[in-house]
């Protein structure tokens, strides 16, 4: 399993579009334009799904994360990271 970070424009439309893409995945919302997803899928496959859901010409990236992270944010995101990534 990989942890993928989806980053796009922070807007209501982008946030709603990303929510539809990840609704059936093990995921957590970081903010309106950013989700963390645990998946077996290749980043390109997820990127294709994100691209299809977002408005035309929207900017977005899908990153595969390694096991190192640091930072602080919402409690539910911190718990999700602690469960799925090791510091």
PDB file of N, CA and C in Angstrom:
ATOM      1  N   UNK A   1       0.840  -1.181   0.000  1.00  0.00           N
ATOM      2  CA  UNK A   1       0.000   0.000   0.000  1.00  0.00           C
ATOM      3  C   UNK A   1       0.880   1.238   0.000  1.00  0.00           C
ATOM      4  N   UNK A   2       0.425   2.239  -0.693  1.00  0.00           N
ATOM      5  CA  UNK A   2       1.135   3.515  -0.757  1.00  0.00           C
ATOM      6  C   UNK A   2       0.273   4.605  -0.146  1.00  0.00           C
ATOM      7  N   UNK A   3       0.948   5.645   0.317  1.00  0.00           N
ATOM      8  CA  UNK A   3       0.264   6.839   0.782  1.00  0.00           C
ATOM      9  C   UNK A   3       0.474   7.903  -0.294  1.00  0.00           C
ATOM     10  N   UNK A   4      -0.633   8.396  -0.819  1.00  0.00           N
ATOM     11  CA  UNK A   4      -0.581   9.421  -1.855  1.00  0.00           C
ATOM     12  C   UNK A   4      -1.153  10.716  -1.306  1.00  0.00           C
ATOM     13  N   UNK A   5      -0.516  11.803  -1.674  1.00  0.00           N
ATOM     14  CA  UNK A   5      -0.957  13.147  -1.301  1.00  0.00           C
ATOM     15  C   UNK A   5      -1.499  13.807  -2.557  1.00  0.00           C
ATOM     16  N   UNK A   6      -2.759  14.205  -2.513  1.00  0.00           N
ATOM     17  CA  UNK A   6      -3.380  14.926  -3.632  1.00  0.00           C
ATOM     18  C   UNK A   6      -3.456  16.387  -3.236  1.00  0.00           C
ATOM     19  N   UNK A   7      -2.907  17.248  -4.081  1.00  0.00           N
ATOM     20  CA  UNK A   7      -2.908  18.689  -3.826  1.00  0.00           C
ATOM     21  C   UNK A   7      -3.493  19.378  -5.048  1.00  0.00           C
ATOM     22  N   UNK A   8      -4.470  20.247  -4.809  1.00  0.00           N
ATOM     23  CA  UNK A   8      -5.063  21.018  -5.893  1.00  0.00           C
ATOM     24  C   UNK A   8      -5.427  22.405  -5.384  1.00  0.00           C
ATOM     25  N   UNK A   9      -6.019  23.169  -6.246  1.00  0.00           N
ATOM     26  CA  UNK A   9      -6.431  24.521  -5.884  1.00  0.00           C
ATOM     27  C   UNK A   9      -7.381  24.471  -4.692  1.00  0.00           C
ATOM     28  N   UNK A  10      -7.230  25.380  -3.792  1.00  0.00           N
ATOM     29  CA  UNK A  10      -8.096  25.427  -2.619  1.00  0.00           C
ATOM     30  C   UNK A  10      -9.353  26.212  -2.965  1.00  0.00           C
ATOM     31  N   UNK A  11     -10.363  25.485  -3.410  1.00  0.00           N
ATOM     32  CA  UNK A  11     -11.648  26.109  -3.742  1.00  0.00           C
ATOM     33  C   UNK A  11     -12.752  25.125  -3.405  1.00  0.00           C
ATOM     34  N   UNK A  12     -13.949  25.624  -3.291  1.00  0.00           N
ATOM     35  CA  UNK A  12     -15.083  24.757  -2.965  1.00  0.00           C
ATOM     36  C   UNK A  12     -15.285  23.703  -4.047  1.00  0.00           C
ATOM     37  N   UNK A  13     -15.172  24.096  -5.315  1.00  0.00           N
ATOM     38  CA  UNK A  13     -15.369  23.142  -6.415  1.00  0.00           C
ATOM     39  C   UNK A  13     -14.301  22.057  -6.400  1.00  0.00           C
ATOM     40  N   UNK A  14     -13.051  22.442  -6.168  1.00  0.00           N
ATOM     41  CA  UNK A  14     -11.960  21.465  -6.136  1.00  0.00           C
ATOM     42  C   UNK A  14     -12.133  20.521  -4.954  1.00  0.00           C
ATOM     43  N   UNK A  15     -12.484  21.074  -3.803  1.00  0.00           N
ATOM     44  CA  UNK A  15     -12.685  20.250  -2.617  1.00  0.00           C
ATOM     45  C   UNK A  15     -13.801  19.239  -2.809  1.00  0.00           C
ATOM     46  N   UNK A  16     -14.916  19.673  -3.381  1.00  0.00           N
ATOM     47  CA  UNK A  16     -16.038  18.772  -3.647  1.00  0.00           C
ATOM     48  C   UNK A  16     -15.639  17.700  -4.659  1.00  0.00           C
ATOM     49  N   UNK A  17     -14.892  18.085  -5.682  1.00  0.00           N
ATOM     50  CA  UNK A  17     -14.454  17.125  -6.691  1.00  0.00           C
ATOM     51  C   UNK A  17     -13.541  16.067  -6.080  1.00  0.00           C
ATOM     52  N   UNK A  18     -12.603  16.495  -5.238  1.00  0.00           N
ATOM     53  CA  UNK A  18     -11.706  15.536  -4.595  1.00  0.00           C
ATOM     54  C   UNK A  18     -12.470  14.607  -3.659  1.00  0.00           C
ATOM     55  N   UNK A  19     -13.453  15.144  -2.953  1.00  0.00           N
ATOM     56  CA  UNK A  19     -14.251  14.309  -2.050  1.00  0.00           C
ATOM     57  C   UNK A  19     -14.961  13.196  -2.808  1.00  0.00           C
ATOM     58  N   UNK A  20     -15.439  13.470  -4.019  1.00  0.00           N
ATOM     59  CA  UNK A  20     -16.088  12.421  -4.808  1.00  0.00           C
ATOM     60  C   UNK A  20     -15.085  11.365  -5.250  1.00  0.00           C
ATOM     61  N   UNK A  21     -13.860  11.769  -5.545  1.00  0.00           N
ATOM     62  CA  UNK A  21     -12.832  10.816  -5.983  1.00  0.00           C
ATOM     63  C   UNK A  21     -12.437   9.871  -4.851  1.00  0.00           C
ATOM     64  N   UNK A  22     -12.275  10.394  -3.646  1.00  0.00           N
ATOM     65  CA  UNK A  22     -11.742   9.594  -2.533  1.00  0.00           C
ATOM     66  C   UNK A  22     -12.818   9.004  -1.620  1.00  0.00           C
ATOM     67  N   UNK A  23     -14.084   9.205  -1.939  1.00  0.00           N
ATOM     68  CA  UNK A  23     -15.164   8.823  -1.015  1.00  0.00           C
ATOM     69  C   UNK A  23     -15.140   7.342  -0.624  1.00  0.00           C
ATOM     70  N   UNK A  24     -14.697   6.457  -1.499  1.00  0.00           N
ATOM     71  CA  UNK A  24     -14.667   5.022  -1.195  1.00  0.00           C
ATOM     72  C   UNK A  24     -13.266   4.526  -0.868  1.00  0.00           C
ATOM     73  N   UNK A  25     -12.348   5.439  -0.617  1.00  0.00           N
ATOM     74  CA  UNK A  25     -10.959   5.083  -0.310  1.00  0.00           C
ATOM     75  C   UNK A  25     -10.667   5.356   1.162  1.00  0.00           C
ATOM     76  N   UNK A  26      -9.596   4.755   1.657  1.00  0.00           N
ATOM     77  CA  UNK A  26      -9.123   5.091   2.997  1.00  0.00           C
ATOM     78  C   UNK A  26      -8.378   6.415   2.864  1.00  0.00           C
ATOM     79  N   UNK A  27      -9.019   7.494   3.300  1.00  0.00           N
ATOM     80  CA  UNK A  27      -8.472   8.830   3.062  1.00  0.00           C
ATOM     81  C   UNK A  27      -8.830   9.768   4.193  1.00  0.00           C
ATOM     82  N   UNK A  28      -8.091  10.873   4.256  1.00  0.00           N
ATOM     83  CA  UNK A  28      -8.410  11.943   5.194  1.00  0.00           C
ATOM     84  C   UNK A  28      -8.203  13.285   4.503  1.00  0.00           C
ATOM     85  N   UNK A  29      -9.082  14.219   4.830  1.00  0.00           N
ATOM     86  CA  UNK A  29      -9.023  15.560   4.240  1.00  0.00           C
ATOM     87  C   UNK A  29      -8.105  16.429   5.096  1.00  0.00           C
ATOM     88  N   UNK A  30      -7.075  16.999   4.468  1.00  0.00           N
ATOM     89  CA  UNK A  30      -6.180  17.926   5.161  1.00  0.00           C
ATOM     90  C   UNK A  30      -6.790  19.320   5.133  1.00  0.00           C
ATOM     91  N   UNK A  31      -7.226  19.741   3.945  1.00  0.00           N
ATOM     92  CA  UNK A  31      -7.982  20.984   3.771  1.00  0.00           C
ATOM     93  C   UNK A  31      -8.751  20.876   2.460  1.00  0.00           C
ATOM     94  N   UNK A  32      -9.418  21.941   2.023  1.00  0.00           N
ATOM     95  CA  UNK A  32     -10.281  21.852   0.834  1.00  0.00           C
ATOM     96  C   UNK A  32      -9.560  21.371  -0.425  1.00  0.00           C
ATOM     97  N   UNK A  33      -8.296  21.633  -0.547  1.00  0.00           N
ATOM     98  CA  UNK A  33      -7.581  21.242  -1.758  1.00  0.00           C
ATOM     99  C   UNK A  33      -6.545  20.160  -1.542  1.00  0.00           C
ATOM    100  N   UNK A  34      -6.657  19.423  -0.437  1.00  0.00           N
ATOM    101  CA  UNK A  34      -5.598  18.474  -0.104  1.00  0.00           C
ATOM    102  C   UNK A  34      -6.145  17.256   0.639  1.00  0.00           C
ATOM    103  N   UNK A  35      -5.832  16.069   0.123  1.00  0.00           N
ATOM    104  CA  UNK A  35      -6.231  14.816   0.747  1.00  0.00           C
ATOM    105  C   UNK A  35      -5.037  13.876   0.829  1.00  0.00           C
ATOM    106  N   UNK A  36      -5.029  13.031   1.850  1.00  0.00           N
ATOM    107  CA  UNK A  36      -4.101  11.914   1.966  1.00  0.00           C
ATOM    108  C   UNK A  36      -4.900  10.640   1.720  1.00  0.00           C
ATOM    109  N   UNK A  37      -4.343   9.729   0.909  1.00  0.00           N
ATOM    110  CA  UNK A  37      -5.049   8.515   0.529  1.00  0.00           C
ATOM    111  C   UNK A  37      -4.127   7.317   0.688  1.00  0.00           C
ATOM    112  N   UNK A  38      -4.651   6.243   1.261  1.00  0.00           N
ATOM    113  CA  UNK A  38      -3.921   4.976   1.329  1.00  0.00           C
ATOM    114  C   UNK A  38      -4.502   4.070   0.253  1.00  0.00           C
ATOM    115  N   UNK A  39      -3.665   3.606  -0.684  1.00  0.00           N
ATOM    116  CA  UNK A  39      -4.176   2.860  -1.832  1.00  0.00           C
ATOM    117  C   UNK A  39      -3.099   1.939  -2.425  1.00  0.00           C
ATOM    118  N   UNK A  40      -3.558   0.962  -3.174  1.00  0.00           N
ATOM    119  CA  UNK A  40      -2.658   0.095  -3.944  1.00  0.00           C
ATOM    120  C   UNK A  40      -2.459   0.660  -5.353  1.00  0.00           C
ATOM    121  N   UNK A  41      -3.268   1.649  -5.697  1.00  0.00           N
ATOM    122  CA  UNK A  41      -3.238   2.218  -7.050  1.00  0.00           C
ATOM    123  C   UNK A  41      -1.962   3.017  -7.307  1.00  0.00           C
ATOM    124  N   UNK A  42      -1.535   3.020  -8.550  1.00  0.00           N
ATOM    125  CA  UNK A  42      -0.396   3.829  -8.997  1.00  0.00           C
ATOM    126  C   UNK A  42      -0.814   5.301  -8.970  1.00  0.00           C
ATOM    127  N   UNK A  43       0.119   6.217  -8.637  1.00  0.00           N
ATOM    128  CA  UNK A  43      -0.231   7.642  -8.627  1.00  0.00           C
ATOM    129  C   UNK A  43      -0.861   8.123  -9.938  1.00  0.00           C
ATOM    130  N   UNK A  44      -0.433   7.560 -11.059  1.00  0.00           N
ATOM    131  CA  UNK A  44      -0.987   8.003 -12.356  1.00  0.00           C
ATOM    132  C   UNK A  44      -2.472   7.670 -12.455  1.00  0.00           C
ATOM    133  N   UNK A  45      -2.873   6.505 -11.960  1.00  0.00           N
ATOM    134  CA  UNK A  45      -4.281   6.124 -12.004  1.00  0.00           C
ATOM    135  C   UNK A  45      -5.126   7.087 -11.170  1.00  0.00           C
ATOM    136  N   UNK A  46      -4.649   7.399  -9.980  1.00  0.00           N
ATOM    137  CA  UNK A  46      -5.372   8.357  -9.144  1.00  0.00           C
ATOM    138  C   UNK A  46      -5.384   9.739  -9.792  1.00  0.00           C
ATOM    139  N   UNK A  47      -4.278  10.125 -10.405  1.00  0.00           N
ATOM    140  CA  UNK A  47      -4.202  11.418 -11.090  1.00  0.00           C
ATOM    141  C   UNK A  47      -5.236  11.500 -12.222  1.00  0.00           C
ATOM    142  N   UNK A  48      -5.430  10.401 -12.924  1.00  0.00           N
ATOM    143  CA  UNK A  48      -6.423  10.383 -14.000  1.00  0.00           C
ATOM    144  C   UNK A  48      -7.840  10.575 -13.436  1.00  0.00           C
ATOM    145  N   UNK A  49      -8.108   9.965 -12.279  1.00  0.00           N
ATOM    146  CA  UNK A  49      -9.416  10.120 -11.648  1.00  0.00           C
ATOM    147  C   UNK A  49      -9.619  11.558 -11.159  1.00  0.00           C
ATOM    148  N   UNK A  50      -8.575  12.120 -10.572  1.00  0.00           N
ATOM    149  CA  UNK A  50      -8.639  13.506 -10.094  1.00  0.00           C
ATOM    150  C   UNK A  50      -8.850  14.455 -11.271  1.00  0.00           C
ATOM    151  N   UNK A  51      -8.083  14.266 -12.326  1.00  0.00           N
ATOM    152  CA  UNK A  51      -8.192  15.132 -13.507  1.00  0.00           C
ATOM    153  C   UNK A  51      -9.605  15.105 -14.090  1.00  0.00           C
ATOM    154  N   UNK A  52     -10.217  13.926 -14.131  1.00  0.00           N
ATOM    155  CA  UNK A  52     -11.566  13.796 -14.683  1.00  0.00           C
ATOM    156  C   UNK A  52     -12.608  14.500 -13.804  1.00  0.00           C
ATOM    157  N   UNK A  53     -12.358  14.566 -12.505  1.00  0.00           N
ATOM    158  CA  UNK A  53     -13.334  15.162 -11.587  1.00  0.00           C
ATOM    159  C   UNK A  53     -13.206  16.670 -11.457  1.00  0.00           C
ATOM    160  N   UNK A  54     -12.012  17.199 -11.641  1.00  0.00           N
ATOM    161  CA  UNK A  54     -11.773  18.637 -11.459  1.00  0.00           C
ATOM    162  C   UNK A  54     -12.237  19.444 -12.673  1.00  0.00           C
ATOM    163  N   UNK A  55     -12.482  20.735 -12.471  1.00  0.00           N
ATOM    164  CA  UNK A  55     -12.788  21.592 -13.615  1.00  0.00           C
ATOM    165  C   UNK A  55     -11.630  21.569 -14.619  1.00  0.00           C
ATOM    166  N   UNK A  56     -11.952  21.803 -15.870  1.00  0.00           N
ATOM    167  CA  UNK A  56     -10.935  21.782 -16.933  1.00  0.00           C
ATOM    168  C   UNK A  56      -9.796  22.755 -16.617  1.00  0.00           C
ATOM    169  N   UNK A  57      -8.581  22.318 -16.866  1.00  0.00           N
ATOM    170  CA  UNK A  57      -7.339  23.086 -16.684  1.00  0.00           C
ATOM    171  C   UNK A  57      -7.040  23.419 -15.221  1.00  0.00           C
ATOM    172  N   UNK A  58      -7.654  22.703 -14.286  1.00  0.00           N
ATOM    173  CA  UNK A  58      -7.333  22.912 -12.872  1.00  0.00           C
ATOM    174  C   UNK A  58      -5.934  22.372 -12.592  1.00  0.00           C
ATOM    175  N   UNK A  59      -5.231  23.025 -11.720  1.00  0.00           N
ATOM    176  CA  UNK A  59      -3.891  22.604 -11.328  1.00  0.00           C
ATOM    177  C   UNK A  59      -3.991  21.579 -10.201  1.00  0.00           C
ATOM    178  N   UNK A  60      -3.250  20.474 -10.320  1.00  0.00           N
ATOM    179  CA  UNK A  60      -3.223  19.481  -9.252  1.00  0.00           C
ATOM    180  C   UNK A  60      -1.972  18.627  -9.375  1.00  0.00           C
ATOM    181  N   UNK A  61      -1.611  17.993  -8.273  1.00  0.00           N
ATOM    182  CA  UNK A  61      -0.487  17.057  -8.227  1.00  0.00           C
ATOM    183  C   UNK A  61      -0.868  15.881  -7.347  1.00  0.00           C
ATOM    184  N   UNK A  62      -0.320  14.704  -7.664  1.00  0.00           N
ATOM    185  CA  UNK A  62      -0.449  13.519  -6.822  1.00  0.00           C
ATOM    186  C   UNK A  62       0.970  13.075  -6.494  1.00  0.00           C
ATOM    187  N   UNK A  63       1.294  13.044  -5.213  1.00  0.00           N
ATOM    188  CA  UNK A  63       2.624  12.658  -4.747  1.00  0.00           C
ATOM    189  C   UNK A  63       2.543  11.341  -3.988  1.00  0.00           C
ATOM    190  N   UNK A  64       3.534  10.482  -4.168  1.00  0.00           N
ATOM    191  CA  UNK A  64       3.658   9.286  -3.338  1.00  0.00           C
ATOM    192  C   UNK A  64       4.601   9.625  -2.195  1.00  0.00           C
ATOM    193  N   UNK A  65       4.147   9.398  -0.959  1.00  0.00           N
ATOM    194  CA  UNK A  65       4.942   9.772   0.213  1.00  0.00           C
ATOM    195  C   UNK A  65       5.744   8.591   0.736  1.00  0.00           C
ATOM    196  N   UNK A  66       6.881   8.899   1.321  1.00  0.00           N
ATOM    197  CA  UNK A  66       7.649   7.858   2.003  1.00  0.00           C
ATOM    198  C   UNK A  66       7.228   7.838   3.467  1.00  0.00           C
ATOM    199  N   UNK A  67       7.987   7.249   4.301  1.00  0.00           N
ATOM    200  CA  UNK A  67       7.596   7.075   5.694  1.00  0.00           C
ATOM    201  C   UNK A  67       8.004   8.220   6.605  1.00  0.00           C
ATOM    202  N   UNK A  68       8.608   9.240   6.099  1.00  0.00           N
ATOM    203  CA  UNK A  68       9.048  10.341   6.953  1.00  0.00           C
ATOM    204  C   UNK A  68       8.134  11.552   6.778  1.00  0.00           C
ATOM    205  N   UNK A  69       7.726  12.113   7.892  1.00  0.00           N
ATOM    206  CA  UNK A  69       6.916  13.328   7.853  1.00  0.00           C
ATOM    207  C   UNK A  69       7.086  14.060   9.170  1.00  0.00           C
ATOM    208  N   UNK A  70       6.728  15.302   9.168  1.00  0.00           N
ATOM    209  CA  UNK A  70       6.701  16.083  10.395  1.00  0.00           C
ATOM    210  C   UNK A  70       5.743  17.241  10.179  1.00  0.00           C
ATOM    211  N   UNK A  71       5.205  17.737  11.238  1.00  0.00           N
ATOM    212  CA  UNK A  71       4.285  18.862  11.146  1.00  0.00           C
ATOM    213  C   UNK A  71       3.135  18.676  12.099  1.00  0.00           C
ATOM    214  N   UNK A  72       2.189  19.580  12.022  1.00  0.00           N
ATOM    215  CA  UNK A  72       1.039  19.528  12.897  1.00  0.00           C
ATOM    216  C   UNK A  72      -0.157  20.141  12.189  1.00  0.00           C
ATOM    217  N   UNK A  73      -1.314  19.582  12.470  1.00  0.00           N
ATOM    218  CA  UNK A  73      -2.548  20.087  11.881  1.00  0.00           C
ATOM    219  C   UNK A  73      -3.729  19.556  12.654  1.00  0.00           C
ATOM    220  N   UNK A  74      -4.864  19.383  11.974  1.00  0.00           N
ATOM    221  CA  UNK A  74      -6.064  18.886  12.642  1.00  0.00           C
ATOM    222  C   UNK A  74      -5.835  17.523  13.301  1.00  0.00           C
ATOM    223  N   UNK A  75      -6.469  17.298  14.433  1.00  0.00           N
ATOM    224  CA  UNK A  75      -6.270  16.072  15.206  1.00  0.00           C
ATOM    225  C   UNK A  75      -6.550  14.824  14.369  1.00  0.00           C
ATOM    226  N   UNK A  76      -7.636  14.826  13.593  1.00  0.00           N
ATOM    227  CA  UNK A  76      -7.953  13.639  12.796  1.00  0.00           C
ATOM    228  C   UNK A  76      -6.887  13.363  11.737  1.00  0.00           C
ATOM    229  N   UNK A  77      -6.297  14.396  11.164  1.00  0.00           N
ATOM    230  CA  UNK A  77      -5.213  14.216  10.194  1.00  0.00           C
ATOM    231  C   UNK A  77      -3.973  13.676  10.901  1.00  0.00           C
ATOM    232  N   UNK A  78      -3.652  14.219  12.068  1.00  0.00           N
ATOM    233  CA  UNK A  78      -2.495  13.731  12.829  1.00  0.00           C
ATOM    234  C   UNK A  78      -2.652  12.254  13.168  1.00  0.00           C
ATOM    235  N   UNK A  79      -3.840  11.853  13.597  1.00  0.00           N
ATOM    236  CA  UNK A  79      -4.097  10.445  13.917  1.00  0.00           C
ATOM    237  C   UNK A  79      -3.956   9.571  12.676  1.00  0.00           C
ATOM    238  N   UNK A  80      -4.474  10.045  11.542  1.00  0.00           N
ATOM    239  CA  UNK A  80      -4.393   9.290  10.295  1.00  0.00           C
ATOM    240  C   UNK A  80      -2.939   9.098   9.886  1.00  0.00           C
ATOM    241  N   UNK A  81      -2.149  10.165   9.967  1.00  0.00           N
ATOM    242  CA  UNK A  81      -0.729  10.080   9.632  1.00  0.00           C
ATOM    243  C   UNK A  81      -0.004   9.121  10.574  1.00  0.00           C
ATOM    244  N   UNK A  82      -0.274   9.222  11.853  1.00  0.00           N
ATOM    245  CA  UNK A  82       0.381   8.357  12.832  1.00  0.00           C
ATOM    246  C   UNK A  82       0.065   6.889  12.553  1.00  0.00           C
ATOM    247  N   UNK A  83      -1.169   6.606  12.158  1.00  0.00           N
ATOM    248  CA  UNK A  83      -1.581   5.245  11.851  1.00  0.00           C
ATOM    249  C   UNK A  83      -0.942   4.721  10.562  1.00  0.00           C
ATOM    250  N   UNK A  84      -0.827   5.579   9.559  1.00  0.00           N
ATOM    251  CA  UNK A  84      -0.434   5.124   8.225  1.00  0.00           C
ATOM    252  C   UNK A  84       1.009   5.412   7.823  1.00  0.00           C
ATOM    253  N   UNK A  85       1.656   6.352   8.482  1.00  0.00           N
ATOM    254  CA  UNK A  85       3.067   6.665   8.203  1.00  0.00           C
ATOM    255  C   UNK A  85       3.827   6.646   9.508  1.00  0.00           C
ATOM    256  N   UNK A  86       5.031   6.178   9.450  1.00  0.00           N
ATOM    257  CA  UNK A  86       5.883   6.173  10.646  1.00  0.00           C
ATOM    258  C   UNK A  86       6.858   7.328  10.563  1.00  0.00           C
ATOM    259  N   UNK A  87       7.044   8.010  11.695  1.00  0.00           N
ATOM    260  CA  UNK A  87       8.013   9.114  11.742  1.00  0.00           C
ATOM    261  C   UNK A  87       9.414   8.561  11.703  1.00  0.00           C
TER     262      UNK A  87
END
